[in-house]
C-alpha atoms as a PDB file:
ATOM      1  CA  MET A   1      98.838  65.788  44.483  1.00  0.00           C
ATOM      2  CA  THR A   2      95.462  66.787  43.509  1.00  0.00           C
ATOM      3  CA  ILE A   3      92.016  65.446  44.821  1.00  0.00           C
ATOM      4  CA  LYS A   4      89.524  65.503  42.129  1.00  0.00           C
ATOM      5  CA  TYR A   5      85.818  65.518  43.558  1.00  0.00           C
ATOM      6  CA  PHE A   6      83.083  67.279  42.837  1.00  0.00           C
ATOM      7  CA  PRO A   7      80.429  69.350  44.522  1.00  0.00           C
ATOM      8  CA  ILE A   8      76.617  69.414  45.102  1.00  0.00           C
ATOM      9  CA  PRO A   9      75.806  72.273  42.854  1.00  0.00           C
ATOM     10  CA  GLU A  10      72.566  73.339  44.481  1.00  0.00           C
ATOM     11  CA  LEU A  11      74.125  73.510  47.976  1.00  0.00           C
ATOM     12  CA  ASP A  12      77.126  75.476  47.020  1.00  0.00           C
ATOM     13  CA  ALA A  13      75.184  78.166  45.451  1.00  0.00           C
ATOM     14  CA  THR A  14      73.726  79.605  48.696  1.00  0.00           C
ATOM     15  CA  GLY A  15      77.936  80.843  48.933  1.00  0.00           C
ATOM     16  CA  LYS A  16      78.286  79.084  53.106  1.00  0.00           C
ATOM     17  CA  ILE A  17      78.075  75.516  52.184  1.00  0.00           C
ATOM     18  CA  LYS A  18      81.240  73.701  50.441  1.00  0.00           C
ATOM     19  CA  THR A  19      79.861  70.078  49.441  1.00  0.00           C
ATOM     20  CA  LEU A  20      82.080  66.726  47.841  1.00  0.00           C
ATOM     21  CA  PHE A  21      82.636  63.476  46.795  1.00  0.00           C
ATOM     22  CA  THR A  22      85.314  61.678  45.044  1.00  0.00           C
ATOM     23  CA  THR A  23      86.081  59.701  42.982  1.00  0.00           C
ATOM     24  CA  THR A  24      88.315  56.564  42.124  1.00  0.00           C
ATOM     25  CA  GLN A  25      90.938  58.522  41.522  1.00  0.00           C
ATOM     26  CA  ASP A  26      91.301  58.400  45.509  1.00  0.00           C
ATOM     27  CA  ILE A  27      89.878  56.116  47.211  1.00  0.00           C
ATOM     28  CA  ALA A  28      92.035  55.617  50.919  1.00  0.00           C
ATOM     29  CA  TRP A  29      90.280  57.936  53.023  1.00  0.00           C
ATOM     30  CA  ASN A  30      89.703  55.229  56.945  1.00  0.00           C
ATOM     31  CA  PHE A  31      92.655  55.668  58.776  1.00  0.00           C
ATOM     32  CA  GLU A  32      94.002  52.205  58.545  1.00  0.00           C
ATOM     33  CA  ASP A  33      94.086  53.085  55.097  1.00  0.00           C
ATOM     34  CA  ASP A  34      97.840  53.889  52.785  1.00  0.00           C
ATOM     35  CA  ASN A  35      97.389  56.897  51.640  1.00  0.00           C
ATOM     36  CA  ALA A  36      94.850  58.060  53.820  1.00  0.00           C
ATOM     37  CA  ARG A  37      96.811  60.867  55.475  1.00  0.00           C
ATOM     38  CA  GLU A  38      98.146  62.132  52.310  1.00  0.00           C
ATOM     39  CA  ASN A  39      94.830  62.110  50.575  1.00  0.00           C
ATOM     40  CA  TYR A  40      93.501  64.944  53.521  1.00  0.00           C
ATOM     41  CA  ILE A  41      96.398  67.075  53.706  1.00  0.00           C
ATOM     42  CA  ALA A  42      95.790  67.310  49.775  1.00  0.00           C
ATOM     43  CA  LEU A  43      91.787  67.696  50.038  1.00  0.00           C
ATOM     44  CA  GLY A  44      92.505  70.091  52.811  1.00  0.00           C
ATOM     45  CA  SER A  45      94.974  72.770  51.152  1.00  0.00           C
ATOM     46  CA  GLN A  46      92.597  72.520  48.106  1.00  0.00           C
ATOM     47  CA  LEU A  47      90.052  73.536  50.937  1.00  0.00           C
ATOM     48  CA  GLY A  48      92.370  75.774  52.980  1.00  0.00           C
ATOM     49  CA  ILE A  49      91.428  74.401  56.232  1.00  0.00           C
ATOM     50  CA  ALA A  50      94.070  71.945  58.090  1.00  0.00           C
ATOM     51  CA  LEU A  51      93.332  68.224  59.027  1.00  0.00           C
ATOM     52  CA  GLN A  52      92.336  69.828  62.598  1.00  0.00           C
ATOM     53  CA  ASP A  53      89.410  71.220  60.942  1.00  0.00           C
ATOM     54  CA  MET A  54      88.166  67.704  59.516  1.00  0.00           C
ATOM     55  CA  VAL A  55      85.681  64.846  61.174  1.00  0.00           C
ATOM     56  CA  LYS A  56      85.386  61.571  60.108  1.00  0.00           C
ATOM     57  CA  THR A  57      82.182  59.234  61.365  1.00  0.00           C
ATOM     58  CA  LYS A  58      83.047  55.210  62.852  1.00  0.00           C
ATOM     59  CA  GLN A  59      81.311  53.632  60.779  1.00  0.00           C
ATOM     60  CA  ARG A  60      79.045  50.518  60.998  1.00  0.00           C
ATOM     61  CA  HIS A  61      75.685  50.832  59.488  1.00  0.00           C
ATOM     62  CA  THR A  62      73.647  52.199  62.761  1.00  0.00           C
ATOM     63  CA  ALA A  63      71.057  55.111  62.932  1.00  0.00           C
ATOM     64  CA  ARG A  64      73.288  56.519  65.310  1.00  0.00           C
ATOM     65  CA  ILE A  65      74.404  59.986  64.496  1.00  0.00           C
ATOM     66  CA  LYS A  66      77.387  62.771  66.837  1.00  0.00           C
ATOM     67  CA  ILE A  67      76.994  66.463  67.512  1.00  0.00           C
ATOM     68  CA  VAL A  68      80.533  67.331  66.658  1.00  0.00           C
ATOM     69  CA  THR A  69      82.498  70.562  67.393  1.00  0.00           C
ATOM     70  CA  HIS A  70      86.387  71.701  66.404  1.00  0.00           C
ATOM     71  CA  GLU A  71      87.172  70.183  70.082  1.00  0.00           C
ATOM     72  CA  ASN A  72      86.422  66.638  67.675  1.00  0.00           C
ATOM     73  CA  GLY A  73      89.154  67.747  65.185  1.00  0.00           C
ATOM     74  CA  GLY A  74      90.705  64.921  63.792  1.00  0.00           C
ATOM     75  CA  ASP A  75      89.019  62.193  64.478  1.00  0.00           C
ATOM     76  CA  GLY A  76      88.956  59.585  62.346  1.00  0.00           C
ATOM     77  CA  ILE A  77      92.118  61.039  60.715  1.00  0.00           C
ATOM     78  CA  LEU A  78      95.109  62.430  62.827  1.00  0.00           C
ATOM     79  CA  ARG A  79      93.347  59.453  65.439  1.00  0.00           C
ATOM     80  CA  LEU A  80      91.290  56.334  65.419  1.00  0.00           C
ATOM     81  CA  LEU A  81      88.118  56.140  66.453  1.00  0.00           C
ATOM     82  CA  ASP A  82      86.860  53.849  69.229  1.00  0.00           C
ATOM     83  CA  GLU A  83      85.550  50.825  67.811  1.00  0.00           C
ATOM     84  CA  ASN A  84      82.456  50.542  70.835  1.00  0.00           C
ATOM     85  CA  ASP A  85      81.377  53.417  69.387  1.00  0.00           C
ATOM     86  CA  PRO A  86      80.277  53.802  65.998  1.00  0.00           C
ATOM     87  CA  TYR A  87      77.852  56.562  64.479  1.00  0.00           C
ATOM     88  CA  ASP A  88      77.341  56.563  60.825  1.00  0.00           C
ATOM     89  CA  GLY A  89      76.182  60.830  60.619  1.00  0.00           C
ATOM     90  CA  LEU A  90      77.954  64.003  62.101  1.00  0.00           C
ATOM     91  CA  ILE A  91      76.448  67.394  62.468  1.00  0.00           C
ATOM     92  CA  THR A  92      77.616  71.102  63.702  1.00  0.00           C
ATOM     93  CA  ASN A  93      76.520  74.304  63.846  1.00  0.00           C
ATOM     94  CA  GLU A  94      80.450  75.253  63.631  1.00  0.00           C
ATOM     95  CA  LYS A  95      82.055  76.587  60.174  1.00  0.00           C
ATOM     96  CA  ASN A  96      85.221  75.689  59.116  1.00  0.00           C
ATOM     97  CA  LEU A  97      84.863  72.056  60.366  1.00  0.00           C
ATOM     98  CA  LEU A  98      84.054  69.529  57.302  1.00  0.00           C
ATOM     99  CA  LEU A  99      81.979  67.391  57.639  1.00  0.00           C
ATOM    100  CA  CYS A 100      82.933  63.156  56.363  1.00  0.00           C
ATOM    101  CA  THR A 101      81.745  59.979  55.564  1.00  0.00           C
ATOM    102  CA  VAL A 102      82.624  57.247  53.502  1.00  0.00           C
ATOM    103  CA  GLU A 103      80.525  55.326  50.596  1.00  0.00           C
ATOM    104  CA  ALA A 104      81.401  52.590  48.114  1.00  0.00           C
ATOM    105  CA  ASP A 105      76.584  52.642  47.148  1.00  0.00           C
ATOM    106  CA  CYS A 106      75.664  54.001  50.354  1.00  0.00           C
ATOM    107  CA  VAL A 107      73.859  56.853  49.999  1.00  0.00           C
ATOM    108  CA  PRO A 108      75.590  60.063  50.990  1.00  0.00           C
ATOM    109  CA  VAL A 109      73.045  62.629  52.836  1.00  0.00           C
ATOM    110  CA  TYR A 110      73.761  65.995  53.301  1.00  0.00           C
ATOM    111  CA  PHE A 111      71.942  68.523  55.863  1.00  0.00           C
ATOM    112  CA  TYR A 112      71.974  71.775  55.530  1.00  0.00           C
ATOM    113  CA  ASP A 113      69.651  75.008  57.341  1.00  0.00           C
ATOM    114  CA  PRO A 114      70.132  78.388  56.524  1.00  0.00           C
ATOM    115  CA  VAL A 115      68.557  79.894  58.702  1.00  0.00           C
ATOM    116  CA  LYS A 116      69.660  78.263  62.143  1.00  0.00           C
ATOM    117  CA  GLU A 117      73.594  77.238  60.209  1.00  0.00           C
ATOM    118  CA  VAL A 118      73.980  73.955  61.061  1.00  0.00           C
ATOM    119  CA  ILE A 119      74.784  70.995  58.447  1.00  0.00           C
ATOM    120  CA  ALA A 120      75.024  67.333  58.687  1.00  0.00           C
ATOM    121  CA  MET A 121      76.696  64.615  57.187  1.00  0.00           C
ATOM    122  CA  VAL A 122      74.956  60.440  56.917  1.00  0.00           C
ATOM    123  CA  HIS A 123      75.624  57.732  55.888  1.00  0.00           C
ATOM    124  CA  SER A 124      72.647  55.829  55.100  1.00  0.00           C
ATOM    125  CA  GLY A 125      73.381  51.959  53.646  1.00  0.00           C
ATOM    126  CA  TRP A 126      70.497  49.993  53.160  1.00  0.00           C
ATOM    127  CA  LYS A 127      70.674  48.628  57.178  1.00  0.00           C
ATOM    128  CA  GLY A 128      70.555  52.156  58.018  1.00  0.00           C
ATOM    129  CA  THR A 129      68.116  53.623  55.244  1.00  0.00           C
ATOM    130  CA  VAL A 130      65.846  51.016  57.157  1.00  0.00           C
ATOM    131  CA  GLN A 131      66.794  52.481  60.603  1.00  0.00           C
ATOM    132  CA  LYS A 132      65.569  55.931  59.594  1.00  0.00           C
ATOM    133  CA  ILE A 133      68.976  57.146  60.304  1.00  0.00           C
ATOM    134  CA  SER A 134      67.337  60.356  58.071  1.00  0.00           C
ATOM    135  CA  GLU A 135      64.926  60.690  60.550  1.00  0.00           C
ATOM    136  CA  VAL A 136      67.308  61.294  63.172  1.00  0.00           C
ATOM    137  CA  ALA A 137      68.510  63.355  62.176  1.00  0.00           C
ATOM    138  CA  ILE A 138      66.207  65.661  60.838  1.00  0.00           C
ATOM    139  CA  GLN A 139      65.058  65.076  65.008  1.00  0.00           C
ATOM    140  CA  LYS A 140      68.951  65.768  66.210  1.00  0.00           C
ATOM    141  CA  MET A 141      68.564  69.386  64.000  1.00  0.00           C
ATOM    142  CA  TYR A 142      65.523  70.516  65.569  1.00  0.00           C
ATOM    143  CA  ASP A 143      66.109  68.440  69.411  1.00  0.00           C
ATOM    144  CA  ASN A 144      69.790  70.295  69.680  1.00  0.00           C
ATOM    145  CA  PHE A 145      69.504  73.837  67.636  1.00  0.00           C
ATOM    146  CA  SER A 146      66.182  74.316  67.064  1.00  0.00           C
ATOM    147  CA  CYS A 147      65.877  73.486  63.586  1.00  0.00           C
ATOM    148  CA  ASN A 148      62.780  73.662  61.007  1.00  0.00           C
ATOM    149  CA  PRO A 149      62.685  70.588  58.669  1.00  0.00           C
ATOM    150  CA  ALA A 150      60.459  72.997  56.473  1.00  0.00           C
ATOM    151  CA  ASP A 151      64.031  74.877  56.485  1.00  0.00           C
ATOM    152  CA  ILE A 152      66.084  72.477  55.945  1.00  0.00           C
ATOM    153  CA  LYS A 153      67.872  71.294  52.485  1.00  0.00           C
ATOM    154  CA  ALA A 154      68.502  68.157  51.931  1.00  0.00           C
ATOM    155  CA  ALA A 155      70.889  66.137  48.852  1.00  0.00           C
ATOM    156  CA  ILE A 156      71.236  62.804  48.263  1.00  0.00           C
ATOM    157  CA  GLY A 157      74.500  62.045  46.812  1.00  0.00           C
ATOM    158  CA  PRO A 158      75.545  59.245  44.013  1.00  0.00           C
ATOM    159  CA  HIS A 159      74.873  55.489  45.617  1.00  0.00           C
ATOM    160  CA  ILE A 160      73.926  52.806  43.569  1.00  0.00           C
ATOM    161  CA  CYS A 161      70.402  53.425  42.084  1.00  0.00           C
ATOM    162  CA  LYS A 162      67.284  51.533  41.371  1.00  0.00           C
ATOM    163  CA  ASP A 163      68.465  49.730  38.286  1.00  0.00           C
ATOM    164  CA  CYS A 164      71.514  48.350  39.320  1.00  0.00           C
ATOM    165  CA  TYR A 165      70.295  47.872  43.008  1.00  0.00           C
ATOM    166  CA  GLU A 166      69.128  43.805  43.291  1.00  0.00           C
ATOM    167  CA  VAL A 167      68.395  42.820  46.895  1.00  0.00           C
ATOM    168  CA  GLY A 168      66.800  39.183  48.348  1.00  0.00           C
ATOM    169  CA  GLN A 169      63.865  38.619  50.379  1.00  0.00           C
ATOM    170  CA  ASP A 170      65.451  39.196  53.175  1.00  0.00           C
ATOM    171  CA  VAL A 171      66.005  42.195  52.809  1.00  0.00           C
ATOM    172  CA  PHE A 172      62.948  43.769  51.497  1.00  0.00           C
ATOM    173  CA  ASP A 173      61.476  41.707  54.404  1.00  0.00           C
ATOM    174  CA  GLU A 174      63.570  44.164  56.814  1.00  0.00           C
ATOM    175  CA  PHE A 175      62.352  47.266  54.365  1.00  0.00           C
ATOM    176  CA  ALA A 176      58.272  45.620  54.717  1.00  0.00           C
ATOM    177  CA  GLN A 177      59.233  46.302  58.717  1.00  0.00           C
ATOM    178  CA  ALA A 178      59.806  49.922  58.531  1.00  0.00           C
ATOM    179  CA  PHE A 179      57.950  50.931  55.724  1.00  0.00           C
ATOM    180  CA  ALA A 180      54.079  50.585  54.812  1.00  0.00           C
ATOM    181  CA  LYS A 181      52.887  48.530  51.498  1.00  0.00           C
ATOM    182  CA  GLU A 182      51.855  51.951  49.680  1.00  0.00           C
ATOM    183  CA  GLU A 183      55.261  52.896  50.144  1.00  0.00           C
ATOM    184  CA  MET A 184      56.875  49.087  49.185  1.00  0.00           C
ATOM    185  CA  GLN A 185      55.739  50.073  46.381  1.00  0.00           C
ATOM    186  CA  LYS A 186      57.650  52.288  45.583  1.00  0.00           C
ATOM    187  CA  ILE A 187      60.911  50.784  47.148  1.00  0.00           C
ATOM    188  CA  PHE A 188      61.136  48.120  45.464  1.00  0.00           C
ATOM    189  CA  THR A 189      60.547  46.546  41.737  1.00  0.00           C
ATOM    190  CA  GLN A 190      59.852  42.753  41.983  1.00  0.00           C
ATOM    191  CA  LYS A 191      62.378  41.266  39.631  1.00  0.00           C
ATOM    192  CA  ASN A 192      61.768  37.152  39.632  1.00  0.00           C
ATOM    193  CA  ASP A 193      60.829  35.423  42.886  1.00  0.00           C
ATOM    194  CA  GLU A 194      63.711  35.964  44.375  1.00  0.00           C
ATOM    195  CA  LYS A 195      65.003  39.111  43.576  1.00  0.00           C
ATOM    196  CA  TYR A 196      64.284  42.884  44.193  1.00  0.00           C
ATOM    197  CA  LEU A 197      65.382  46.030  42.767  1.00  0.00           C
ATOM    198  CA  LEU A 198      65.491  47.985  45.738  1.00  0.00           C
ATOM    199  CA  ASN A 199      65.408  52.588  45.150  1.00  0.00           C
ATOM    200  CA  LEU A 200      67.334  53.109  47.979  1.00  0.00           C
ATOM    201  CA  GLN A 201      66.846  57.509  46.819  1.00  0.00           C
ATOM    202  CA  GLU A 202      63.535  56.897  46.494  1.00  0.00           C
ATOM    203  CA  ALA A 203      63.141  55.247  50.498  1.00  0.00           C
ATOM    204  CA  VAL A 204      65.527  58.243  51.834  1.00  0.00           C
ATOM    205  CA  LYS A 205      63.334  61.228  50.155  1.00  0.00           C
ATOM    206  CA  LEU A 206      60.354  59.021  51.696  1.00  0.00           C
ATOM    207  CA  THR A 207      61.422  58.830  55.246  1.00  0.00           C
ATOM    208  CA  LEU A 208      62.729  62.826  55.054  1.00  0.00           C
ATOM    209  CA  LEU A 209      59.555  63.729  53.529  1.00  0.00           C
ATOM    210  CA  LYS A 210      57.498  62.318  56.479  1.00  0.00           C
ATOM    211  CA  ASN A 211      59.060  64.117  59.033  1.00  0.00           C
ATOM    212  CA  GLY A 212      58.630  67.595  57.286  1.00  0.00           C
ATOM    213  CA  ILE A 213      61.530  68.517  54.932  1.00  0.00           C
ATOM    214  CA  GLN A 214      59.813  70.150  51.820  1.00  0.00           C
ATOM    215  CA  GLY A 215      59.918  68.424  48.470  1.00  0.00           C
ATOM    216  CA  LYS A 216      61.095  71.208  47.001  1.00  0.00           C
ATOM    217  CA  ASN A 217      63.923  71.308  49.488  1.00  0.00           C
ATOM    218  CA  ILE A 218      64.711  67.857  48.477  1.00  0.00           C
ATOM    219  CA  ILE A 219      67.929  67.398  46.021  1.00  0.00           C
ATOM    220  CA  PRO A 220      68.167  64.134  44.167  1.00  0.00           C
ATOM    221  CA  THR A 221      70.877  63.082  42.300  1.00  0.00           C
ATOM    222  CA  SER A 222      71.130  61.184  38.720  1.00  0.00           C
ATOM    223  CA  SER A 223      74.032  59.437  39.263  1.00  0.00           C
ATOM    224  CA  CYS A 224      75.481  56.015  40.070  1.00  0.00           C
ATOM    225  CA  THR A 225      78.172  54.454  41.280  1.00  0.00           C
ATOM    226  CA  TYR A 226      77.329  51.436  40.035  1.00  0.00           C
ATOM    227  CA  HIS A 227      77.363  52.152  36.016  1.00  0.00           C
ATOM    228  CA  SER A 228      77.838  56.184  36.253  1.00  0.00           C
ATOM    229  CA  GLN A 229      80.809  58.627  34.793  1.00  0.00           C
ATOM    230  CA  ILE A 230      81.361  62.102  35.526  1.00  0.00           C
ATOM    231  CA  GLU A 231      83.494  63.727  33.248  1.00  0.00           C
ATOM    232  CA  GLY A 232      84.811  60.043  32.591  1.00  0.00           C
ATOM    233  CA  HIS A 233      85.587  59.355  36.051  1.00  0.00           C
ATOM    234  CA  SER A 234      84.293  55.936  38.185  1.00  0.00           C
ATOM    235  CA  LEU A 235      82.407  56.753  41.452  1.00  0.00           C
ATOM    236  CA  CYS A 236      83.634  54.161  43.839  1.00  0.00           C
ATOM    237  CA  SER A 237      80.713  50.808  43.907  1.00  0.00           C
ATOM    238  CA  TYR A 238      82.313  48.159  46.282  1.00  0.00           C
ATOM    239  CA  ARG A 239      79.493  45.269  43.483  1.00  0.00           C
ATOM    240  CA  ARG A 240      81.295  46.248  40.874  1.00  0.00           C
ATOM    241  CA  THR A 241      84.414  45.859  42.264  1.00  0.00           C
ATOM    242  CA  LYS A 242      84.137  43.578  45.431  1.00  0.00           C
ATOM    243  CA  SER A 243      87.585  46.101  46.866  1.00  0.00           C
ATOM    244  CA  PRO A 244      86.854  46.427  51.008  1.00  0.00           C
ATOM    245  CA  THR A 245      88.824  49.637  50.931  1.00  0.00           C
ATOM    246  CA  GLN A 246      87.530  51.473  47.919  1.00  0.00           C
ATOM    247  CA  ARG A 247      85.352  54.298  49.212  1.00  0.00           C
ATOM    248  CA  MET A 248      84.279  57.804  48.119  1.00  0.00           C
ATOM    249  CA  LEU A 249      84.482  60.745  50.120  1.00  0.00           C
ATOM    250  CA  THR A 250      81.466  62.348  50.680  1.00  0.00           C
ATOM    251  CA  ALA A 251      81.435  65.514  52.899  1.00  0.00           C
ATOM    252  CA  ILE A 252      80.032  69.108  54.148  1.00  0.00           C
ATOM    253  CA  MET A 253      81.600  72.089  55.470  1.00  0.00           C
ATOM    254  CA  MET A 254      79.770  75.660  56.313  1.00  0.00           C
ATOM    255  CA  THR A 255      81.855  78.524  55.616  1.00  0.00           C
ATOM    256  CA  SER A 256      82.170  82.232  54.530  1.00  0.00           C
ATOM    257  CA  VAL A 257      84.648  81.562  52.220  1.00  0.00           C
ATOM    258  CA  VAL A 258      83.999  79.109  48.959  1.00  0.00           C
ATOM    259  CA  ASN A 259      87.028  78.168  47.861  1.00  0.00           C
ATOM    260  CA  ASP A 260      86.864  76.783  43.913  1.00  0.00           C
ATOM    261  CA  LYS A 261      88.260  73.227  43.252  1.00  0.00           C
END
């Protein structure tokens, strides 16, 4: 069994980082899903790591982020996570520890500080984006590891794009409380009296820039989970399939040896 995944080339090119996002070929990544453990075993074999070298989030569209070490290895993969302790992002300064989130239209954000050697993996749905979870990640990297935001590289992974993501007035109003008027003009396009098109990538990018990430260090995506195909492979989209379990695994690991796909 081989897991099909794609990297964020700009991060993997450093030679010290392994990144990935999967396709609809392999969709079971939550602890309770059938075949999830088999998928992680296959992925670990390809990456040269064990299940104890992986950590997964307990996502609930929060802005909470957890700092993890190898002591947390296997969380969400070998054992069920605490329902009362959700978090949508992970940070570590340890090598060969794969930080995992899952998405199906939401925004995965990959962080790497090559100076302090710290990584983070964040799940930023529209609620997490409103709560500015990327800001929380940057602040935690600074508070706990003295990371300078100017050194941090941030990659925005595949998610539903601005042309495919239609939302209502309720979502617009939530963003209006968190973003300035001029920012809202960049984030939303009014479609009609009741609907808007939401540009999550722009919202995340604005948050990154406001928190000290340099524009040259922000890596955008051109892949949309709803309509894009990469080398003939579709990506997981809840809006397209309405599947309650189909998810795309997104992950980052710091390593001195980069394995081939």
